[in-house]
Structure formats: C-alpha cells, structure tokens
Amino acid sequence: TIRARVDQVVLTSAARVASLLKRLGSKRLVPELPVVYLPAGTTVEADVDVSVLVARGFSVARPGAGFACAVHLDRFASPARVVLTDSPRLSGLGAAGMLVFAADDDALLDALSTGSATVPIPCSVHVSISGRLRAFVSASDAAFDLFRSDIASVVEETSRRTGRPSVLEVTGPSVRFLSVPERAQLAFMATKLGALGAVFPADERMVAFLRDQRRSKAHRVLAEEPEAPYEASVGVDLGGVDPLLGTPSGQSRTVRELAKTKVSQVLVGGDSGAGYRELLTLSLIHISEPTRPY
C-alpha cells in the first residue's frame, strides 16, 4: 500500500453519508471536492440533513438528479485526479483520466479529514484499442465484447503474479474515435473484469468535452509515458465487434443469436447513463404497437 493524496471524495449512499458525517465531528474537509449524490427516494429530512452537508463544505446533488457517474463526468470530472468513492459504479470516471478507488468507511473518513488515504499500489495492464466501430455497433456493444476477450484472464493472471490489483491503461490509435461518454461505458466494465479500474488518456477529445461543459480550466495533461512499464498487454479491435447483449447468465451473445427471444421491457440507460447517441437512436425508432407507460 501507499499513502496517496485524494483529490475528490464521491459518496452515493445516504446511510454512509450520515455515518461519516457523525464520525467527522467538527473536522474540516480537506479534499478539493467532496460531493454527495443522494439516491432517488432519499427522504432528506429523515435520512440526511442537506443543509448540514452544505454547511460542512459538501457539494450535494438533489435526490434522483441522475446517474452519479454520468453527472460527475459532466460537472466535476478532471484528468489526473485521484477519487475515493463508496461505490465501484464510479469506475466509469476513468474515461476522464481519473484513478478511482472504491473504499471502506475508514479510508473515506481519512480522506475527508486529511486529504489523503492509504490505497493499494496497482500494476498496469495495457489495453490497446484499434479499428473503428461499424454501423449499428455502439460502445455498449464494445463493452459487452470485453467479456468475450481474454482481458479478464490477463487481469487475473497479472494480479496473481504481482500480488497487486490491476488497472487498465487504455491507449491505442482508435481511442480518439471514442467520445468521453463512450469511454465511460468501457471504463465502467473494468471492475466487472476483475480490475481496480481503467484510465483513459486526457487527449483532444477530453479537452473538447470539458470545453463543451464550459469547464476548460479543469483540464490537466495526462498522457501515456513512452517508457512506462506494463505488467501485461492486450489488444481490442473495435472493427470486430458485433451487436451484443448481456444475458442473465452473465455471458455476452450476439443479437443474431437472440433474435427470437421475447422481450418484455426495454430500459434505456444503465449505471453509466444514456448518451446522446443512444437517445437519438431511440427517437428514430418507430414503435408499431402502443406500449403501456410506466
């Protein structure tokens, strides 16, 4: 382990926020950004006193403001920051060049009160992305395709050999073709593949993303070091990705294989949220039969 500076602390559980606030007492918050995303359905008066959180220095999203990862990418993501969080679902922030650690209450309390915490020393698994997504193939398909690759076995072998958790460092000639929300869909899968997280470079696409969000000052240079050592390397060809769906068994199967499967409900979004492309595609679909609204 190593003692590392923590730039941001992101909390998503109302119960843990209440517990941490009680343990903090009158201690001053040190990280540059402590933020709380209250889940939909949180009873503010009974569960969390927002006025107290704001007075203590937390930035607080209203209950149900949106998926924490997607909202944080838009409003607070910044390259080369270390993030401690209570939820592994925030791993998608690696799309913005952020290193995310899911931590327990003691580590979160330590980070909030001192601005640093003891974290594991990760090793790097290099993921090189090549090719381009074909028509009717999305980043979601590419994310599901990761389960069909050998990344999970490489991560497992590397972590076992080194005794350290693995972080996927994503580079390659085709990274520039992926938007930041699309990168988030890939980074979100890192923990499901056994990795600690994933980190993308802070390139021109990241600069443009922050500019569109009117947060250009949040940019920090984060580029691949030519001589940085990797414990293992693996390649991903986006051009070979087919339209895929995840199944209840945890496997990814092609849409063609599931063509005759009955569908009862369609949910748009997910833990990484729904991007502009998904919403645009949905708006162009003609639904021939009326559906019951929920």
C-alpha atoms as a PDB file:
ATOM      1  CA  THR A   1       0.000   0.000   0.000  1.00  0.00           C
ATOM      2  CA  ILE A   2       0.932   3.633  -0.342  1.00  0.00           C
ATOM      3  CA  ARG A   3      -0.201   6.898   1.182  1.00  0.00           C
ATOM      4  CA  ALA A   4      -1.693   8.966  -1.645  1.00  0.00           C
ATOM      5  CA  ARG A   5      -3.277  12.369  -1.948  1.00  0.00           C
ATOM      6  CA  VAL A   6      -7.019  12.220  -2.594  1.00  0.00           C
ATOM      7  CA  ASP A   7      -8.441  14.981  -4.773  1.00  0.00           C
ATOM      8  CA  GLN A   8     -12.127  14.051  -4.743  1.00  0.00           C
ATOM      9  CA  VAL A   9     -14.395  12.033  -2.473  1.00  0.00           C
ATOM     10  CA  VAL A  10     -17.672  10.907  -4.061  1.00  0.00           C
ATOM     11  CA  LEU A  11     -20.433   9.430  -1.877  1.00  0.00           C
ATOM     12  CA  THR A  12     -23.641   7.827  -3.136  1.00  0.00           C
ATOM     13  CA  SER A  13     -25.130   6.086  -0.075  1.00  0.00           C
ATOM     14  CA  ALA A  14     -27.318   8.150   2.245  1.00  0.00           C
ATOM     15  CA  ALA A  15     -26.654   5.784   5.152  1.00  0.00           C
ATOM     16  CA  ARG A  16     -22.887   6.010   4.744  1.00  0.00           C
ATOM     17  CA  VAL A  17     -23.041   9.792   4.368  1.00  0.00           C
ATOM     18  CA  ALA A  18     -24.914  10.055   7.684  1.00  0.00           C
ATOM     19  CA  SER A  19     -22.421   7.738   9.374  1.00  0.00           C
ATOM     20  CA  LEU A  20     -19.375   9.564   8.034  1.00  0.00           C
ATOM     21  CA  LEU A  21     -20.802  12.958   8.941  1.00  0.00           C
ATOM     22  CA  LYS A  22     -21.295  11.777  12.514  1.00  0.00           C
ATOM     23  CA  ARG A  23     -17.749  10.422  12.735  1.00  0.00           C
ATOM     24  CA  LEU A  24     -16.269  13.567  11.194  1.00  0.00           C
ATOM     25  CA  GLY A  25     -17.493  15.715  14.029  1.00  0.00           C
ATOM     26  CA  SER A  26     -16.114  19.224  13.629  1.00  0.00           C
ATOM     27  CA  LYS A  27     -13.144  18.244  11.444  1.00  0.00           C
ATOM     28  CA  ARG A  28     -12.526  20.395   8.373  1.00  0.00           C
ATOM     29  CA  LEU A  29     -12.936  18.817   4.941  1.00  0.00           C
ATOM     30  CA  VAL A  30      -9.595  18.769   3.101  1.00  0.00           C
ATOM     31  CA  PRO A  31     -10.128  17.326  -0.436  1.00  0.00           C
ATOM     32  CA  GLU A  32     -10.661  19.803  -3.270  1.00  0.00           C
ATOM     33  CA  LEU A  33     -14.087  18.273  -3.943  1.00  0.00           C
ATOM     34  CA  PRO A  34     -16.245  16.256  -1.534  1.00  0.00           C
ATOM     35  CA  VAL A  35     -19.575  15.567  -3.273  1.00  0.00           C
ATOM     36  CA  VAL A  36     -22.709  13.621  -2.364  1.00  0.00           C
ATOM     37  CA  TYR A  37     -25.185  12.129  -4.829  1.00  0.00           C
ATOM     38  CA  LEU A  38     -28.352  11.249  -2.954  1.00  0.00           C
ATOM     39  CA  PRO A  39     -30.205   8.237  -4.396  1.00  0.00           C
ATOM     40  CA  ALA A  40     -33.727   8.689  -5.723  1.00  0.00           C
ATOM     41  CA  GLY A  41     -36.209   8.122  -2.928  1.00  0.00           C
ATOM     42  CA  THR A  42     -33.968   9.515  -0.199  1.00  0.00           C
ATOM     43  CA  THR A  43     -36.041  11.188   2.487  1.00  0.00           C
ATOM     44  CA  VAL A  44     -33.928  14.231   3.052  1.00  0.00           C
ATOM     45  CA  GLU A  45     -35.361  15.192   6.411  1.00  0.00           C
ATOM     46  CA  ALA A  46     -35.196  11.681   7.856  1.00  0.00           C
ATOM     47  CA  ASP A  47     -32.002  10.333   6.250  1.00  0.00           C
ATOM     48  CA  VAL A  48     -29.697  13.250   5.529  1.00  0.00           C
ATOM     49  CA  ASP A  49     -29.753  16.898   6.553  1.00  0.00           C
ATOM     50  CA  VAL A  50     -28.625  18.562   3.341  1.00  0.00           C
ATOM     51  CA  SER A  51     -28.200  21.951   4.977  1.00  0.00           C
ATOM     52  CA  VAL A  52     -25.640  20.460   7.358  1.00  0.00           C
ATOM     53  CA  LEU A  53     -23.760  18.824   4.464  1.00  0.00           C
ATOM     54  CA  VAL A  54     -23.627  22.083   2.528  1.00  0.00           C
ATOM     55  CA  ALA A  55     -22.524  23.996   5.612  1.00  0.00           C
ATOM     56  CA  ARG A  56     -19.700  21.477   6.122  1.00  0.00           C
ATOM     57  CA  GLY A  57     -18.454  22.008   2.563  1.00  0.00           C
ATOM     58  CA  PHE A  58     -20.026  19.146   0.616  1.00  0.00           C
ATOM     59  CA  SER A  59     -21.481  19.685  -2.826  1.00  0.00           C
ATOM     60  CA  VAL A  60     -24.848  17.918  -2.777  1.00  0.00           C
ATOM     61  CA  ALA A  61     -26.957  16.772  -5.723  1.00  0.00           C
ATOM     62  CA  ARG A  62     -30.677  16.652  -5.191  1.00  0.00           C
ATOM     63  CA  PRO A  63     -32.144  13.133  -4.821  1.00  0.00           C
ATOM     64  CA  GLY A  64     -32.588  11.499  -8.216  1.00  0.00           C
ATOM     65  CA  ALA A  65     -30.511  14.082 -10.101  1.00  0.00           C
ATOM     66  CA  GLY A  66     -29.200  11.328 -12.356  1.00  0.00           C
ATOM     67  CA  PHE A  67     -26.654   8.542 -12.501  1.00  0.00           C
ATOM     68  CA  ALA A  68     -23.785   9.615 -10.277  1.00  0.00           C
ATOM     69  CA  CYS A  69     -21.087   8.634 -12.775  1.00  0.00           C
ATOM     70  CA  ALA A  70     -22.708  10.428 -15.717  1.00  0.00           C
ATOM     71  CA  VAL A  71     -23.464  13.576 -13.726  1.00  0.00           C
ATOM     72  CA  HIS A  72     -19.980  13.660 -12.228  1.00  0.00           C
ATOM     73  CA  LEU A  73     -18.399  13.316 -15.669  1.00  0.00           C
ATOM     74  CA  ASP A  74     -20.317  16.359 -16.858  1.00  0.00           C
ATOM     75  CA  ARG A  75     -19.890  18.571 -13.811  1.00  0.00           C
ATOM     76  CA  PHE A  76     -16.750  17.611 -11.890  1.00  0.00           C
ATOM     77  CA  ALA A  77     -14.576  15.166 -13.827  1.00  0.00           C
ATOM     78  CA  SER A  78     -10.987  16.322 -14.228  1.00  0.00           C
ATOM     79  CA  PRO A  79      -7.946  14.403 -15.505  1.00  0.00           C
ATOM     80  CA  ALA A  80      -5.092  13.269 -13.230  1.00  0.00           C
ATOM     81  CA  ARG A  81      -7.210  13.294 -10.078  1.00  0.00           C
ATOM     82  CA  VAL A  82      -7.469  10.504  -7.518  1.00  0.00           C
ATOM     83  CA  VAL A  83     -11.017   9.711  -6.427  1.00  0.00           C
ATOM     84  CA  LEU A  84     -12.205   7.764  -3.399  1.00  0.00           C
ATOM     85  CA  THR A  85     -15.793   6.569  -3.500  1.00  0.00           C
ATOM     86  CA  ASP A  86     -18.197   4.262  -1.719  1.00  0.00           C
ATOM     87  CA  SER A  87     -19.405   2.734  -4.997  1.00  0.00           C
ATOM     88  CA  PRO A  88     -17.488   0.714  -7.636  1.00  0.00           C
ATOM     89  CA  ARG A  89     -20.014   2.043 -10.173  1.00  0.00           C
ATOM     90  CA  LEU A  90     -17.937   5.228 -10.301  1.00  0.00           C
ATOM     91  CA  SER A  91     -15.208   3.349 -12.180  1.00  0.00           C
ATOM     92  CA  GLY A  92     -16.562   4.960 -15.358  1.00  0.00           C
ATOM     93  CA  LEU A  93     -14.792   8.169 -14.284  1.00  0.00           C
ATOM     94  CA  GLY A  94     -11.634   6.589 -15.629  1.00  0.00           C
ATOM     95  CA  ALA A  95     -12.873   7.847 -19.004  1.00  0.00           C
ATOM     96  CA  ALA A  96     -11.751  11.294 -17.865  1.00  0.00           C
ATOM     97  CA  GLY A  97      -8.279  10.120 -16.841  1.00  0.00           C
ATOM     98  CA  MET A  98      -9.202   9.764 -13.164  1.00  0.00           C
ATOM     99  CA  LEU A  99      -7.980   6.935 -10.929  1.00  0.00           C
ATOM    100  CA  VAL A 100     -10.906   5.674  -8.864  1.00  0.00           C
ATOM    101  CA  PHE A 101     -10.663   3.631  -5.667  1.00  0.00           C
ATOM    102  CA  ALA A 102     -13.732   2.095  -4.035  1.00  0.00           C
ATOM    103  CA  ALA A 103     -13.011   2.436  -0.309  1.00  0.00           C
ATOM    104  CA  ASP A 104     -14.422   1.487   3.074  1.00  0.00           C
ATOM    105  CA  ASP A 105     -15.663   3.975   5.674  1.00  0.00           C
ATOM    106  CA  ASP A 106     -12.310   4.275   7.452  1.00  0.00           C
ATOM    107  CA  ALA A 107     -10.478   5.210   4.253  1.00  0.00           C
ATOM    108  CA  LEU A 108     -13.227   7.650   3.238  1.00  0.00           C
ATOM    109  CA  LEU A 109     -13.111   9.292   6.665  1.00  0.00           C
ATOM    110  CA  ASP A 110      -9.324   9.507   6.442  1.00  0.00           C
ATOM    111  CA  ALA A 111      -9.527  11.159   3.026  1.00  0.00           C
ATOM    112  CA  LEU A 112     -12.173  13.644   4.094  1.00  0.00           C
ATOM    113  CA  SER A 113     -10.291  14.734   7.211  1.00  0.00           C
ATOM    114  CA  THR A 114      -6.670  14.636   5.967  1.00  0.00           C
ATOM    115  CA  GLY A 115      -6.873  14.829   2.171  1.00  0.00           C
ATOM    116  CA  SER A 116      -5.007  11.544   1.760  1.00  0.00           C
ATOM    117  CA  ALA A 117      -5.570   7.839   2.302  1.00  0.00           C
ATOM    118  CA  THR A 118      -3.791   4.511   2.236  1.00  0.00           C
ATOM    119  CA  VAL A 119      -4.528   2.776  -1.076  1.00  0.00           C
ATOM    120  CA  PRO A 120      -3.185  -0.349  -2.791  1.00  0.00           C
ATOM    121  CA  ILE A 121      -0.332   0.052  -5.257  1.00  0.00           C
ATOM    122  CA  PRO A 122      -1.780  -1.084  -8.591  1.00  0.00           C
ATOM    123  CA  CYS A 123       0.010  -2.602 -11.547  1.00  0.00           C
ATOM    124  CA  SER A 124      -0.749  -1.644 -15.136  1.00  0.00           C
ATOM    125  CA  VAL A 125      -2.341  -3.766 -17.814  1.00  0.00           C
ATOM    126  CA  HIS A 126      -2.020  -2.081 -21.186  1.00  0.00           C
ATOM    127  CA  VAL A 127      -5.147  -2.199 -23.369  1.00  0.00           C
ATOM    128  CA  SER A 128      -4.501  -1.035 -26.932  1.00  0.00           C
ATOM    129  CA  ILE A 129      -7.622  -0.153 -28.934  1.00  0.00           C
ATOM    130  CA  SER A 130      -7.574  -0.376 -32.714  1.00  0.00           C
ATOM    131  CA  GLY A 131     -10.180  -0.359 -35.503  1.00  0.00           C
ATOM    132  CA  ARG A 132     -13.477   1.528 -35.660  1.00  0.00           C
ATOM    133  CA  LEU A 133     -16.997   0.591 -34.678  1.00  0.00           C
ATOM    134  CA  ARG A 134     -19.092  -0.439 -37.656  1.00  0.00           C
ATOM    135  CA  ALA A 135     -22.555   0.878 -38.464  1.00  0.00           C
ATOM    136  CA  PHE A 136     -25.195  -0.153 -35.915  1.00  0.00           C
ATOM    137  CA  VAL A 137     -22.482  -1.108 -33.412  1.00  0.00           C
ATOM    138  CA  SER A 138     -22.167   1.069 -30.310  1.00  0.00           C
ATOM    139  CA  ALA A 139     -19.794   1.489 -27.388  1.00  0.00           C
ATOM    140  CA  SER A 140     -22.203  -0.623 -25.340  1.00  0.00           C
ATOM    141  CA  ASP A 141     -21.521  -3.497 -27.722  1.00  0.00           C
ATOM    142  CA  ALA A 142     -17.795  -2.923 -27.323  1.00  0.00           C
ATOM    143  CA  ALA A 143     -18.232  -3.000 -23.538  1.00  0.00           C
ATOM    144  CA  PHE A 144     -20.031  -6.343 -23.722  1.00  0.00           C
ATOM    145  CA  ASP A 145     -17.349  -7.589 -26.104  1.00  0.00           C
ATOM    146  CA  LEU A 146     -14.748  -7.134 -23.379  1.00  0.00           C
ATOM    147  CA  PHE A 147     -16.253 -10.175 -21.654  1.00  0.00           C
ATOM    148  CA  ARG A 148     -15.624 -12.207 -24.787  1.00  0.00           C
ATOM    149  CA  SER A 149     -11.967 -11.163 -24.900  1.00  0.00           C
ATOM    150  CA  ASP A 150      -9.119 -12.502 -22.784  1.00  0.00           C
ATOM    151  CA  ILE A 151      -8.830  -9.319 -20.685  1.00  0.00           C
ATOM    152  CA  ALA A 152     -10.381 -10.897 -17.592  1.00  0.00           C
ATOM    153  CA  SER A 153      -7.944 -13.816 -17.659  1.00  0.00           C
ATOM    154  CA  VAL A 154      -4.999 -11.452 -18.237  1.00  0.00           C
ATOM    155  CA  VAL A 155      -6.096  -9.301 -15.287  1.00  0.00           C
ATOM    156  CA  GLU A 156      -6.486 -12.353 -13.059  1.00  0.00           C
ATOM    157  CA  GLU A 157      -3.094 -13.772 -14.014  1.00  0.00           C
ATOM    158  CA  THR A 158      -1.356 -10.412 -13.630  1.00  0.00           C
ATOM    159  CA  SER A 159      -2.857  -9.712 -10.208  1.00  0.00           C
ATOM    160  CA  ARG A 160      -1.991 -13.206  -9.027  1.00  0.00           C
ATOM    161  CA  ARG A 161       1.586 -12.936 -10.289  1.00  0.00           C
ATOM    162  CA  THR A 162       2.260  -9.480  -8.857  1.00  0.00           C
ATOM    163  CA  GLY A 163       0.081  -9.664  -5.756  1.00  0.00           C
ATOM    164  CA  ARG A 164      -1.370  -6.268  -6.642  1.00  0.00           C
ATOM    165  CA  PRO A 165      -4.664  -5.112  -8.166  1.00  0.00           C
ATOM    166  CA  SER A 166      -4.590  -4.262 -11.856  1.00  0.00           C
ATOM    167  CA  VAL A 167      -5.537  -1.000 -13.543  1.00  0.00           C
ATOM    168  CA  LEU A 168      -6.349  -0.999 -17.251  1.00  0.00           C
ATOM    169  CA  GLU A 169      -4.443   1.764 -19.042  1.00  0.00           C
ATOM    170  CA  VAL A 170      -6.305   2.287 -22.305  1.00  0.00           C
ATOM    171  CA  THR A 171      -4.428   3.741 -25.265  1.00  0.00           C
ATOM    172  CA  GLY A 172      -4.113   2.979 -28.971  1.00  0.00           C
ATOM    173  CA  PRO A 173      -4.753   4.641 -32.314  1.00  0.00           C
ATOM    174  CA  SER A 174      -8.539   4.317 -32.109  1.00  0.00           C
ATOM    175  CA  VAL A 175      -9.110   5.856 -28.677  1.00  0.00           C
ATOM    176  CA  ARG A 176      -9.557   9.222 -30.410  1.00  0.00           C
ATOM    177  CA  PHE A 177     -12.672   7.902 -32.152  1.00  0.00           C
ATOM    178  CA  LEU A 178     -14.453   7.335 -28.829  1.00  0.00           C
ATOM    179  CA  SER A 179     -16.302  10.157 -27.078  1.00  0.00           C
ATOM    180  CA  VAL A 180     -15.888  10.588 -23.331  1.00  0.00           C
ATOM    181  CA  PRO A 181     -19.337   9.046 -22.569  1.00  0.00           C
ATOM    182  CA  GLU A 182     -18.426   6.100 -24.815  1.00  0.00           C
ATOM    183  CA  ARG A 183     -15.148   5.693 -22.960  1.00  0.00           C
ATOM    184  CA  ALA A 184     -17.106   5.698 -19.711  1.00  0.00           C
ATOM    185  CA  GLN A 185     -19.089   2.675 -20.868  1.00  0.00           C
ATOM    186  CA  LEU A 186     -15.843   0.785 -21.393  1.00  0.00           C
ATOM    187  CA  ALA A 187     -14.253   2.019 -18.157  1.00  0.00           C
ATOM    188  CA  PHE A 188     -17.366   1.009 -16.226  1.00  0.00           C
ATOM    189  CA  MET A 189     -16.694  -2.633 -17.143  1.00  0.00           C
ATOM    190  CA  ALA A 190     -13.216  -2.615 -15.596  1.00  0.00           C
ATOM    191  CA  THR A 191     -14.306  -3.739 -12.140  1.00  0.00           C
ATOM    192  CA  LYS A 192     -16.515  -6.425 -13.653  1.00  0.00           C
ATOM    193  CA  LEU A 193     -13.420  -7.772 -15.402  1.00  0.00           C
ATOM    194  CA  GLY A 194     -11.580  -8.013 -12.090  1.00  0.00           C
ATOM    195  CA  ALA A 195      -9.552  -4.802 -12.451  1.00  0.00           C
ATOM    196  CA  LEU A 196      -9.361  -1.982  -9.942  1.00  0.00           C
ATOM    197  CA  GLY A 197     -10.373   0.468 -12.653  1.00  0.00           C
ATOM    198  CA  ALA A 198      -9.480   1.844 -16.069  1.00  0.00           C
ATOM    199  CA  VAL A 199      -7.764   5.064 -17.094  1.00  0.00           C
ATOM    200  CA  PHE A 200      -8.024   6.755 -20.497  1.00  0.00           C
ATOM    201  CA  PRO A 201      -5.640   9.483 -21.691  1.00  0.00           C
ATOM    202  CA  ALA A 202      -6.617  13.140 -21.406  1.00  0.00           C
ATOM    203  CA  ASP A 203      -6.381  13.827 -25.121  1.00  0.00           C
ATOM    204  CA  GLU A 204      -8.046  16.232 -27.534  1.00  0.00           C
ATOM    205  CA  ARG A 205     -11.437  14.560 -27.079  1.00  0.00           C
ATOM    206  CA  MET A 206     -11.227  15.209 -23.347  1.00  0.00           C
ATOM    207  CA  VAL A 207     -10.253  18.825 -23.965  1.00  0.00           C
ATOM    208  CA  ALA A 208     -13.260  19.254 -26.270  1.00  0.00           C
ATOM    209  CA  PHE A 209     -15.555  17.548 -23.757  1.00  0.00           C
ATOM    210  CA  LEU A 210     -14.537  19.915 -20.960  1.00  0.00           C
ATOM    211  CA  ARG A 211     -14.842  22.899 -23.296  1.00  0.00           C
ATOM    212  CA  ASP A 212     -18.402  21.864 -24.208  1.00  0.00           C
ATOM    213  CA  GLN A 213     -19.181  21.659 -20.495  1.00  0.00           C
ATOM    214  CA  ARG A 214     -17.616  25.131 -20.015  1.00  0.00           C
ATOM    215  CA  ARG A 215     -15.015  23.642 -17.681  1.00  0.00           C
ATOM    216  CA  SER A 216     -11.813  24.023 -19.707  1.00  0.00           C
ATOM    217  CA  LYS A 217      -9.867  25.075 -16.606  1.00  0.00           C
ATOM    218  CA  ALA A 218     -10.419  21.617 -15.113  1.00  0.00           C
ATOM    219  CA  HIS A 219      -8.083  20.044 -17.670  1.00  0.00           C
ATOM    220  CA  ARG A 220      -4.745  18.601 -16.674  1.00  0.00           C
ATOM    221  CA  VAL A 221      -2.298  16.960 -19.025  1.00  0.00           C
ATOM    222  CA  LEU A 222      -2.346  13.189 -18.665  1.00  0.00           C
ATOM    223  CA  ALA A 223      -0.554  11.377 -21.445  1.00  0.00           C
ATOM    224  CA  GLU A 224       0.970   7.948 -21.815  1.00  0.00           C
ATOM    225  CA  GLU A 225       4.599   7.786 -20.737  1.00  0.00           C
ATOM    226  CA  PRO A 226       6.552   6.123 -23.575  1.00  0.00           C
ATOM    227  CA  GLU A 227       8.775   4.184 -21.169  1.00  0.00           C
ATOM    228  CA  ALA A 228       6.152   3.368 -18.561  1.00  0.00           C
ATOM    229  CA  PRO A 229       6.306  -0.333 -17.653  1.00  0.00           C
ATOM    230  CA  TYR A 230       3.298  -2.584 -18.165  1.00  0.00           C
ATOM    231  CA  GLU A 231       2.877  -5.930 -16.466  1.00  0.00           C
ATOM    232  CA  ALA A 232       0.830  -7.211 -19.401  1.00  0.00           C
ATOM    233  CA  SER A 233      -0.644  -6.042 -22.695  1.00  0.00           C
ATOM    234  CA  VAL A 234      -3.786  -6.953 -24.598  1.00  0.00           C
ATOM    235  CA  GLY A 235      -5.391  -5.640 -27.776  1.00  0.00           C
ATOM    236  CA  VAL A 236      -9.021  -4.813 -28.592  1.00  0.00           C
ATOM    237  CA  ASP A 237     -10.199  -4.485 -32.206  1.00  0.00           C
ATOM    238  CA  LEU A 238     -13.346  -2.357 -32.379  1.00  0.00           C
ATOM    239  CA  GLY A 239     -13.838  -3.340 -36.016  1.00  0.00           C
ATOM    240  CA  GLY A 240     -14.511  -6.930 -34.978  1.00  0.00           C
ATOM    241  CA  VAL A 241     -17.290  -6.081 -32.519  1.00  0.00           C
ATOM    242  CA  ASP A 242     -20.803  -7.348 -33.310  1.00  0.00           C
ATOM    243  CA  PRO A 243     -24.071  -6.025 -31.834  1.00  0.00           C
ATOM    244  CA  LEU A 244     -24.177  -7.773 -28.457  1.00  0.00           C
ATOM    245  CA  LEU A 245     -26.440  -8.223 -25.481  1.00  0.00           C
ATOM    246  CA  GLY A 246     -25.690  -9.341 -21.966  1.00  0.00           C
ATOM    247  CA  THR A 247     -27.690 -12.339 -20.744  1.00  0.00           C
ATOM    248  CA  PRO A 248     -28.852 -13.303 -17.226  1.00  0.00           C
ATOM    249  CA  SER A 249     -26.104 -15.942 -17.210  1.00  0.00           C
ATOM    250  CA  GLY A 250     -23.511 -13.171 -17.357  1.00  0.00           C
ATOM    251  CA  GLN A 251     -22.396 -14.050 -20.885  1.00  0.00           C
ATOM    252  CA  SER A 252     -22.469 -11.808 -23.941  1.00  0.00           C
ATOM    253  CA  ARG A 253     -24.266 -13.092 -27.023  1.00  0.00           C
ATOM    254  CA  THR A 254     -24.817 -11.594 -30.445  1.00  0.00           C
ATOM    255  CA  VAL A 255     -28.169 -10.028 -31.273  1.00  0.00           C
ATOM    256  CA  ARG A 256     -28.466 -12.521 -34.111  1.00  0.00           C
ATOM    257  CA  GLU A 257     -28.308 -15.417 -31.630  1.00  0.00           C
ATOM    258  CA  LEU A 258     -31.051 -13.848 -29.520  1.00  0.00           C
ATOM    259  CA  ALA A 259     -33.248 -12.812 -32.461  1.00  0.00           C
ATOM    260  CA  LYS A 260     -36.271 -14.875 -31.366  1.00  0.00           C
ATOM    261  CA  THR A 261     -36.055 -14.088 -27.671  1.00  0.00           C
ATOM    262  CA  LYS A 262     -39.209 -12.471 -26.299  1.00  0.00           C
ATOM    263  CA  VAL A 263     -38.640  -9.006 -24.813  1.00  0.00           C
ATOM    264  CA  SER A 264     -40.971  -7.813 -22.047  1.00  0.00           C
ATOM    265  CA  GLN A 265     -39.392  -4.494 -21.131  1.00  0.00           C
ATOM    266  CA  VAL A 266     -36.891  -2.053 -22.639  1.00  0.00           C
ATOM    267  CA  LEU A 267     -34.842   0.131 -20.275  1.00  0.00           C
ATOM    268  CA  VAL A 268     -32.693   2.940 -21.642  1.00  0.00           C
ATOM    269  CA  GLY A 269     -29.551   3.921 -19.765  1.00  0.00           C
ATOM    270  CA  GLY A 270     -27.778   1.941 -17.096  1.00  0.00           C
ATOM    271  CA  ASP A 271     -25.134   2.602 -14.474  1.00  0.00           C
ATOM    272  CA  SER A 272     -23.151   4.723 -16.905  1.00  0.00           C
ATOM    273  CA  GLY A 273     -26.268   6.578 -18.123  1.00  0.00           C
ATOM    274  CA  ALA A 274     -27.588   7.045 -21.654  1.00  0.00           C
ATOM    275  CA  GLY A 275     -25.524   9.098 -24.071  1.00  0.00           C
ATOM    276  CA  TYR A 276     -26.691  11.407 -26.838  1.00  0.00           C
ATOM    277  CA  ARG A 277     -26.232   8.695 -29.461  1.00  0.00           C
ATOM    278  CA  GLU A 278     -28.482   6.258 -27.581  1.00  0.00           C
ATOM    279  CA  LEU A 279     -31.216   8.859 -27.101  1.00  0.00           C
ATOM    280  CA  LEU A 280     -31.011   9.941 -30.746  1.00  0.00           C
ATOM    281  CA  THR A 281     -31.253   6.336 -31.925  1.00  0.00           C
ATOM    282  CA  LEU A 282     -34.238   5.745 -29.657  1.00  0.00           C
ATOM    283  CA  SER A 283     -36.040   8.806 -31.039  1.00  0.00           C
ATOM    284  CA  LEU A 284     -35.726   7.428 -34.577  1.00  0.00           C
ATOM    285  CA  ILE A 285     -37.313   4.085 -33.759  1.00  0.00           C
ATOM    286  CA  HIS A 286     -40.903   3.691 -34.887  1.00  0.00           C
ATOM    287  CA  ILE A 287     -42.925   1.693 -32.361  1.00  0.00           C
ATOM    288  CA  SER A 288     -45.668  -0.068 -34.315  1.00  0.00           C
ATOM    289  CA  GLU A 289     -47.771  -1.115 -31.331  1.00  0.00           C
ATOM    290  CA  PRO A 290     -48.786   1.080 -28.407  1.00  0.00           C
ATOM    291  CA  THR A 291     -46.947   0.382 -25.162  1.00  0.00           C
ATOM    292  CA  ARG A 292     -48.126   0.848 -21.646  1.00  0.00           C
ATOM    293  CA  PRO A 293     -46.394   3.816 -19.951  1.00  0.00           C
ATOM    294  CA  TYR A 294     -44.725   3.346 -16.587  1.00  0.00           C
END
